[in-house]
Amino acid sequence: MKKYLFSIFPIIALGFIFLRPVSSLALDEGGCLKCHQYPGLARLEKSNGFKALHIDENNFFKSSHGKFRCKECHITITQVPHTGETTVDCTTKCHHGDDAKVLPENYPLKGFHKNEQSFIVTLQDESSCRVCHPLYPHSNNNLVRGFLNMHTGFMFCELCHIKREKFKHPSYDWKNTENAEYSGKPYGSYFNPHTGKTHKTEKFISRIAAFSVKNGNKKLLINTRDINKAQKYLIKENKLTSDEKKKELEYFHKDISRKEISVACNECHSSNSILDFNKLGFDKKRSKDLVYLNIKGLVTKYKIFYFPNLFGN
């Protein structure tokens, strides 16, 4: 991994800043919301849990702590991207003394940002992938797992991971809606391909899927036939030998490909995108934003930038 001293970050940070509303310039000079603004940004913590990393800008700046810069509380964050837990102790600087609302030591901060976060809690997914894989499945790469998990609310696993060489020129379109439950403000869209209308919804969500096309007919490239087989595999998994597990997993993944992150990102977020965002119903501005996503370089090149202490803590 290459590391770059943060001498060039002020320029990057300024680029981050001037893409945001003027009201937030003084409060997000480090460009934290450039990444944390996305709903569904999450990391897997346990086999049955995850931690939301999304911060809604408007809700945060209207909160009682909205006048503070992020690094005034998150003092252990020194680089971008960053991993692991952030040490925050409210009692050392703000919440102590005669004029402050004093908090007890070890005050629980687990749900501090919950009013500013949006993420999907449950999703009725028809794919057999979800029998074994959690809603937010990416966990191996600590630097970019949150960005990868964010795609849960917008596309099916197979769109990215399908072995394209097995299906000549797959097409990409919206799949019918699924029931979804949200924590915080619902996000994403329900797109009706028959009427061409897109609208926000609190109970349903549409996601982009891959389809094979034969004789003008479209077939959804999502494995729904192996749900029962996958459920039976989980029951007997611990009793299988390593060779037996390998054979079973090879069957489930026969149409699935693991990809380098840089390859996966560039398949969609580039001028040669496999997705025609305009045909999918996005307007010209949003389509351009998706093609030239300005955080993609940080995700694909893994450069580490170090914060200078320009403003103090």
Protein backbone atom coordinates (compact mmCIF):
# COMPACT_ATOMS: atom_id res chain seq x y z
CA MET A 1 0.00 0.00 0.00
CA LYS A 2 1.37 3.40 -0.90
CA LYS A 3 1.32 6.16 1.65
CA TYR A 4 1.34 9.84 0.79
CA LEU A 5 2.12 12.58 3.26
CA PHE A 6 -0.71 14.95 3.72
CA SER A 7 0.98 17.91 2.11
CA ILE A 8 -1.39 17.56 -0.84
CA PHE A 9 -4.52 16.98 1.23
CA PRO A 10 -5.39 20.66 1.79
CA ILE A 11 -5.95 20.92 -1.97
CA ILE A 12 -8.10 17.80 -1.95
CA ALA A 13 -9.92 18.95 1.16
CA LEU A 14 -10.72 22.27 -0.50
CA GLY A 15 -12.16 20.35 -3.42
CA PHE A 16 -14.31 18.44 -0.98
CA ILE A 17 -15.39 21.62 0.78
CA PHE A 18 -16.45 23.65 -2.22
CA LEU A 19 -18.73 20.89 -3.39
CA ARG A 20 -20.76 21.33 -0.19
CA PRO A 21 -23.19 24.12 0.79
CA VAL A 22 -21.56 27.28 2.13
CA SER A 23 -23.24 26.89 5.54
CA SER A 24 -21.16 23.80 6.26
CA LEU A 25 -17.76 25.11 5.15
CA ALA A 26 -16.48 25.92 8.62
CA LEU A 27 -17.81 22.70 10.13
CA ASP A 28 -16.57 20.14 7.62
CA GLU A 29 -13.25 21.53 6.52
CA GLY A 30 -11.78 18.02 6.65
CA GLY A 31 -14.23 16.76 4.04
CA CYS A 32 -15.61 14.04 6.37
CA LEU A 33 -19.08 14.20 4.83
CA LYS A 34 -17.63 13.60 1.40
CA CYS A 35 -17.68 9.92 2.34
CA HIS A 36 -20.03 9.75 5.31
CA GLN A 37 -22.91 11.47 3.47
CA TYR A 38 -24.05 8.26 1.80
CA PRO A 39 -27.05 6.35 3.24
CA GLY A 40 -26.33 2.68 3.75
CA LEU A 41 -22.64 3.21 4.48
CA ALA A 42 -22.05 0.40 6.96
CA ARG A 43 -19.52 -2.12 8.16
CA LEU A 44 -20.05 -5.63 9.45
CA GLU A 45 -19.20 -5.99 13.13
CA LYS A 46 -20.49 -9.45 13.93
CA SER A 47 -22.08 -12.26 11.97
CA ASN A 48 -25.49 -10.82 12.83
CA GLY A 49 -24.79 -7.12 13.19
CA PHE A 50 -23.31 -4.02 11.56
CA LYS A 51 -22.37 -0.45 12.37
CA ALA A 52 -23.89 2.41 10.38
CA LEU A 53 -21.43 5.10 9.28
CA HIS A 54 -23.81 7.45 7.46
CA ILE A 55 -24.21 11.03 8.71
CA ASP A 56 -27.04 13.11 7.27
CA GLU A 57 -25.67 16.61 6.83
CA ASN A 58 -28.86 18.55 7.50
CA ASN A 59 -29.83 16.56 10.58
CA PHE A 60 -26.34 16.78 12.03
CA PHE A 61 -25.95 20.53 11.57
CA LYS A 62 -29.35 21.08 13.18
CA SER A 63 -28.42 18.96 16.20
CA SER A 64 -26.99 20.25 19.47
CA HIS A 65 -23.51 19.14 18.38
CA GLY A 66 -23.80 20.46 14.83
CA LYS A 67 -21.67 23.52 15.57
CA PHE A 68 -18.60 21.40 16.29
CA ARG A 69 -16.12 20.07 13.77
CA CYS A 70 -15.88 16.28 13.57
CA LYS A 71 -12.28 16.20 14.76
CA GLU A 72 -13.14 18.10 17.91
CA CYS A 73 -14.72 14.87 19.16
CA HIS A 74 -13.07 12.24 16.97
CA ILE A 75 -9.58 13.23 17.98
CA THR A 76 -7.98 9.86 17.15
CA ILE A 77 -8.78 10.12 13.44
CA THR A 78 -5.52 11.12 11.77
CA GLN A 79 -5.81 9.73 8.26
CA VAL A 80 -8.17 9.04 5.37
CA PRO A 81 -9.32 6.35 4.89
CA HIS A 82 -9.50 5.15 8.49
CA THR A 83 -10.54 1.92 10.17
CA GLY A 84 -11.55 0.65 13.57
CA GLU A 85 -13.34 2.36 16.41
CA THR A 86 -12.97 6.05 17.17
CA THR A 87 -12.12 6.99 20.73
CA VAL A 88 -14.44 9.72 21.99
CA ASP A 89 -14.51 10.99 25.56
CA CYS A 90 -17.02 13.79 26.09
CA THR A 91 -15.99 14.28 29.71
CA THR A 92 -12.45 15.46 29.02
CA LYS A 93 -13.18 18.66 27.13
CA CYS A 94 -16.82 19.72 26.94
CA HIS A 95 -18.87 17.96 29.56
CA HIS A 96 -17.01 18.88 32.72
CA GLY A 97 -16.79 21.88 34.98
CA ASP A 98 -19.36 24.05 36.67
CA ASP A 99 -20.85 25.55 33.51
CA ALA A 100 -21.32 22.29 31.58
CA LYS A 101 -23.82 19.49 31.54
CA VAL A 102 -21.66 16.92 33.25
CA LEU A 103 -21.85 13.37 31.91
CA PRO A 104 -20.85 10.31 33.91
CA GLU A 105 -17.60 8.58 33.06
CA ASN A 106 -17.84 5.96 30.29
CA TYR A 107 -21.05 7.57 29.05
CA PRO A 108 -22.49 5.26 26.32
CA LEU A 109 -21.99 6.74 22.86
CA LYS A 110 -23.09 3.76 20.78
CA GLY A 111 -26.27 5.39 19.51
CA PHE A 112 -25.05 8.97 19.44
CA HIS A 113 -25.47 9.56 15.68
CA LYS A 114 -28.61 7.44 15.29
CA ASN A 115 -30.81 10.46 14.49
CA GLU A 116 -28.54 11.30 11.56
CA GLN A 117 -28.24 7.85 10.04
CA SER A 118 -30.21 5.99 7.40
CA PHE A 119 -29.74 2.35 6.51
CA ILE A 120 -31.75 -0.69 5.50
CA VAL A 121 -32.57 -2.98 8.42
CA THR A 122 -34.26 -5.83 6.56
CA LEU A 123 -34.80 -6.59 2.90
CA GLN A 124 -36.87 -9.42 1.45
CA ASP A 125 -34.29 -10.66 -1.01
CA GLU A 126 -35.25 -13.56 -3.29
CA SER A 127 -31.64 -14.48 -4.08
CA SER A 128 -30.09 -17.61 -2.57
CA CYS A 129 -26.98 -15.49 -1.87
CA ARG A 130 -28.76 -14.08 1.16
CA VAL A 131 -29.16 -17.51 2.77
CA CYS A 132 -25.46 -17.47 3.66
CA HIS A 133 -24.42 -13.86 3.17
CA PRO A 134 -25.70 -11.05 5.45
CA LEU A 135 -27.44 -7.91 4.23
CA TYR A 136 -24.12 -6.03 4.40
CA PRO A 137 -21.76 -8.78 3.20
CA HIS A 138 -18.43 -7.06 2.57
CA SER A 139 -16.02 -7.24 5.48
CA ASN A 140 -12.60 -8.42 4.29
CA ASN A 141 -11.15 -5.08 3.19
CA ASN A 142 -11.26 -2.72 6.17
CA LEU A 143 -10.57 0.37 4.05
CA VAL A 144 -13.46 0.15 1.62
CA ARG A 145 -15.99 -2.29 3.09
CA GLY A 146 -18.42 0.53 3.95
CA PHE A 147 -18.47 1.77 0.34
CA LEU A 148 -19.06 -1.74 -0.99
CA ASN A 149 -21.85 -2.44 1.50
CA MET A 150 -23.54 0.81 0.49
CA HIS A 151 -24.50 -0.85 -2.82
CA THR A 152 -26.92 -3.19 -1.02
CA GLY A 153 -29.71 -0.64 -1.39
CA PHE A 154 -29.17 -0.08 -5.11
CA MET A 155 -28.27 -3.35 -6.83
CA PHE A 156 -28.30 -7.11 -6.56
CA CYS A 157 -25.11 -9.02 -5.76
CA GLU A 158 -25.15 -10.70 -9.17
CA LEU A 159 -24.94 -7.41 -11.04
CA CYS A 160 -21.34 -7.02 -9.90
CA HIS A 161 -20.36 -10.64 -9.25
CA ILE A 162 -21.91 -12.50 -12.19
CA LYS A 163 -19.47 -14.31 -14.49
CA ARG A 164 -20.12 -12.19 -17.54
CA GLU A 165 -18.18 -14.54 -19.83
CA LYS A 166 -20.93 -17.14 -19.29
CA PHE A 167 -23.68 -14.76 -20.43
CA LYS A 168 -23.14 -12.91 -23.68
CA HIS A 169 -23.89 -9.22 -23.36
CA PRO A 170 -26.15 -9.22 -20.28
CA SER A 171 -28.48 -6.27 -19.93
CA TYR A 172 -29.18 -4.28 -16.78
CA ASP A 173 -32.55 -3.03 -15.64
CA TRP A 174 -34.72 -2.50 -12.59
CA LYS A 175 -36.18 -5.56 -10.91
CA ASN A 176 -39.64 -5.52 -9.37
CA THR A 177 -39.92 -4.00 -5.92
CA GLU A 178 -39.01 -5.70 -2.65
CA ASN A 179 -40.22 -4.99 0.86
CA ALA A 180 -37.66 -3.05 2.87
CA GLU A 181 -37.48 -1.71 6.41
CA TYR A 182 -35.35 1.31 7.19
CA SER A 183 -33.77 2.88 10.19
CA GLY A 184 -33.92 6.63 9.73
CA LYS A 185 -35.06 8.28 6.52
CA PRO A 186 -35.91 5.88 3.67
CA TYR A 187 -33.71 6.21 0.61
CA GLY A 188 -33.42 4.67 -2.82
CA SER A 189 -36.19 4.54 -5.39
CA TYR A 190 -39.10 2.52 -6.60
CA PHE A 191 -38.89 2.67 -10.36
CA ASN A 192 -41.86 1.49 -12.38
CA PRO A 193 -40.54 0.41 -15.81
CA HIS A 194 -44.08 0.42 -17.23
CA THR A 195 -44.84 4.04 -16.42
CA GLY A 196 -41.26 5.32 -16.34
CA LYS A 197 -41.95 7.05 -13.04
CA THR A 198 -39.63 7.11 -10.05
CA HIS A 199 -40.74 8.03 -6.58
CA LYS A 200 -39.60 7.69 -2.98
CA THR A 201 -41.16 4.96 -0.93
CA GLU A 202 -41.05 3.89 2.68
CA LYS A 203 -41.98 0.22 2.25
CA PHE A 204 -40.57 -0.81 -1.10
CA ILE A 205 -37.34 -0.46 -2.98
CA SER A 206 -36.23 -1.30 -6.52
CA ARG A 207 -32.71 -2.43 -7.30
CA ILE A 208 -30.80 -2.85 -10.53
CA ALA A 209 -30.27 -6.44 -11.65
CA ALA A 210 -28.54 -8.31 -14.47
CA PHE A 211 -30.56 -10.06 -17.19
CA SER A 212 -29.62 -12.42 -20.01
CA VAL A 213 -31.28 -11.78 -23.35
CA LYS A 214 -32.22 -14.59 -25.74
CA ASN A 215 -34.50 -14.22 -28.72
CA GLY A 216 -35.68 -10.90 -27.35
CA ASN A 217 -36.65 -12.44 -24.00
CA LYS A 218 -35.04 -11.30 -20.75
CA LYS A 219 -34.16 -13.74 -17.99
CA LEU A 220 -33.25 -12.51 -14.52
CA LEU A 221 -29.72 -13.59 -13.58
CA ILE A 222 -30.46 -14.19 -9.91
CA ASN A 223 -30.22 -17.64 -8.37
CA THR A 224 -33.53 -18.27 -6.65
CA ARG A 225 -33.63 -22.02 -7.30
CA ASP A 226 -31.03 -23.00 -4.68
CA ILE A 227 -32.56 -21.38 -1.59
CA ASN A 228 -33.62 -24.70 -0.06
CA LYS A 229 -30.32 -26.35 -0.96
CA ALA A 230 -28.40 -23.47 0.65
CA GLN A 231 -30.50 -23.72 3.81
CA LYS A 232 -29.73 -27.45 4.04
CA TYR A 233 -26.04 -26.71 3.51
CA LEU A 234 -25.97 -24.35 6.48
CA ILE A 235 -27.52 -27.01 8.71
CA LYS A 236 -24.83 -29.57 7.88
CA GLU A 237 -21.91 -27.18 7.27
CA ASN A 238 -20.10 -27.87 10.56
CA LYS A 239 -20.18 -31.62 9.93
CA LEU A 240 -18.61 -31.42 6.46
CA THR A 241 -14.95 -31.98 5.69
CA SER A 242 -12.99 -29.18 4.03
CA ASP A 243 -13.18 -30.97 0.68
CA GLU A 244 -16.94 -31.44 1.02
CA LYS A 245 -17.38 -27.74 1.86
CA LYS A 246 -15.27 -26.76 -1.12
CA LYS A 247 -17.39 -28.90 -3.44
CA GLU A 248 -20.64 -27.45 -2.09
CA LEU A 249 -19.42 -23.85 -2.35
CA GLU A 250 -18.15 -24.40 -5.87
CA TYR A 251 -21.67 -25.40 -6.81
CA PHE A 252 -23.28 -22.31 -5.26
CA HIS A 253 -20.66 -20.00 -6.79
CA LYS A 254 -20.53 -21.57 -10.25
CA ASP A 255 -21.91 -18.39 -11.83
CA ILE A 256 -20.26 -15.99 -9.37
CA SER A 257 -16.95 -14.19 -9.74
CA ARG A 258 -14.84 -12.39 -7.12
CA LYS A 259 -13.30 -9.22 -8.50
CA GLU A 260 -10.62 -6.75 -7.62
CA ILE A 261 -12.24 -3.64 -6.16
CA SER A 262 -10.70 -1.36 -8.78
CA VAL A 263 -12.17 -3.54 -11.55
CA ALA A 264 -15.60 -3.68 -9.93
CA CYS A 265 -15.78 0.10 -9.42
CA ASN A 266 -14.68 0.93 -12.94
CA GLU A 267 -17.23 -1.41 -14.48
CA CYS A 268 -19.97 1.03 -13.46
CA HIS A 269 -18.33 4.30 -12.44
CA SER A 270 -16.48 5.19 -15.63
CA SER A 271 -17.08 6.48 -19.13
CA ASN A 272 -17.16 2.82 -20.26
CA SER A 273 -19.80 1.88 -17.71
CA ILE A 274 -21.76 -1.31 -18.24
CA LEU A 275 -24.78 0.64 -16.99
CA ASP A 276 -26.56 3.20 -19.13
CA PHE A 277 -27.69 5.49 -16.34
CA ASN A 278 -29.82 7.61 -18.65
CA LYS A 279 -31.80 4.59 -19.85
CA LEU A 280 -32.17 3.48 -16.25
CA GLY A 281 -34.05 6.70 -15.57
CA PHE A 282 -31.40 8.93 -14.01
CA ASP A 283 -31.29 12.53 -15.18
CA LYS A 284 -28.20 13.89 -16.97
CA LYS A 285 -26.63 15.44 -13.88
CA ARG A 286 -27.05 12.34 -11.74
CA SER A 287 -25.80 10.13 -14.57
CA LYS A 288 -22.67 12.24 -14.88
CA ASP A 289 -22.14 12.17 -11.10
CA LEU A 290 -22.36 8.36 -11.11
CA VAL A 291 -19.94 7.99 -14.03
CA TYR A 292 -17.35 10.39 -12.61
CA LEU A 293 -17.83 9.59 -8.93
CA ASN A 294 -15.24 11.78 -7.23
CA ILE A 295 -14.44 9.43 -4.34
CA LYS A 296 -13.71 6.48 -6.63
CA GLY A 297 -9.99 7.21 -6.71
CA LEU A 298 -9.78 6.99 -2.95
CA VAL A 299 -11.61 3.67 -3.01
CA THR A 300 -9.68 2.05 -5.85
CA LYS A 301 -6.14 3.29 -5.18
CA TYR A 302 -6.15 3.03 -1.37
CA LYS A 303 -3.99 6.10 -0.92
CA ILE A 304 -3.65 7.18 2.68
CA PHE A 305 -3.74 10.90 3.43
CA TYR A 306 -2.72 12.28 6.79
CA PHE A 307 -4.57 15.15 8.41
CA PRO A 308 -2.42 18.16 9.31
CA ASN A 309 -3.47 19.90 12.52
CA LEU A 310 -4.39 23.09 10.69
CA PHE A 311 -7.31 24.07 12.88
CA GLY A 312 -6.50 22.45 16.22
CA ASN A 313 -8.80 19.99 17.96
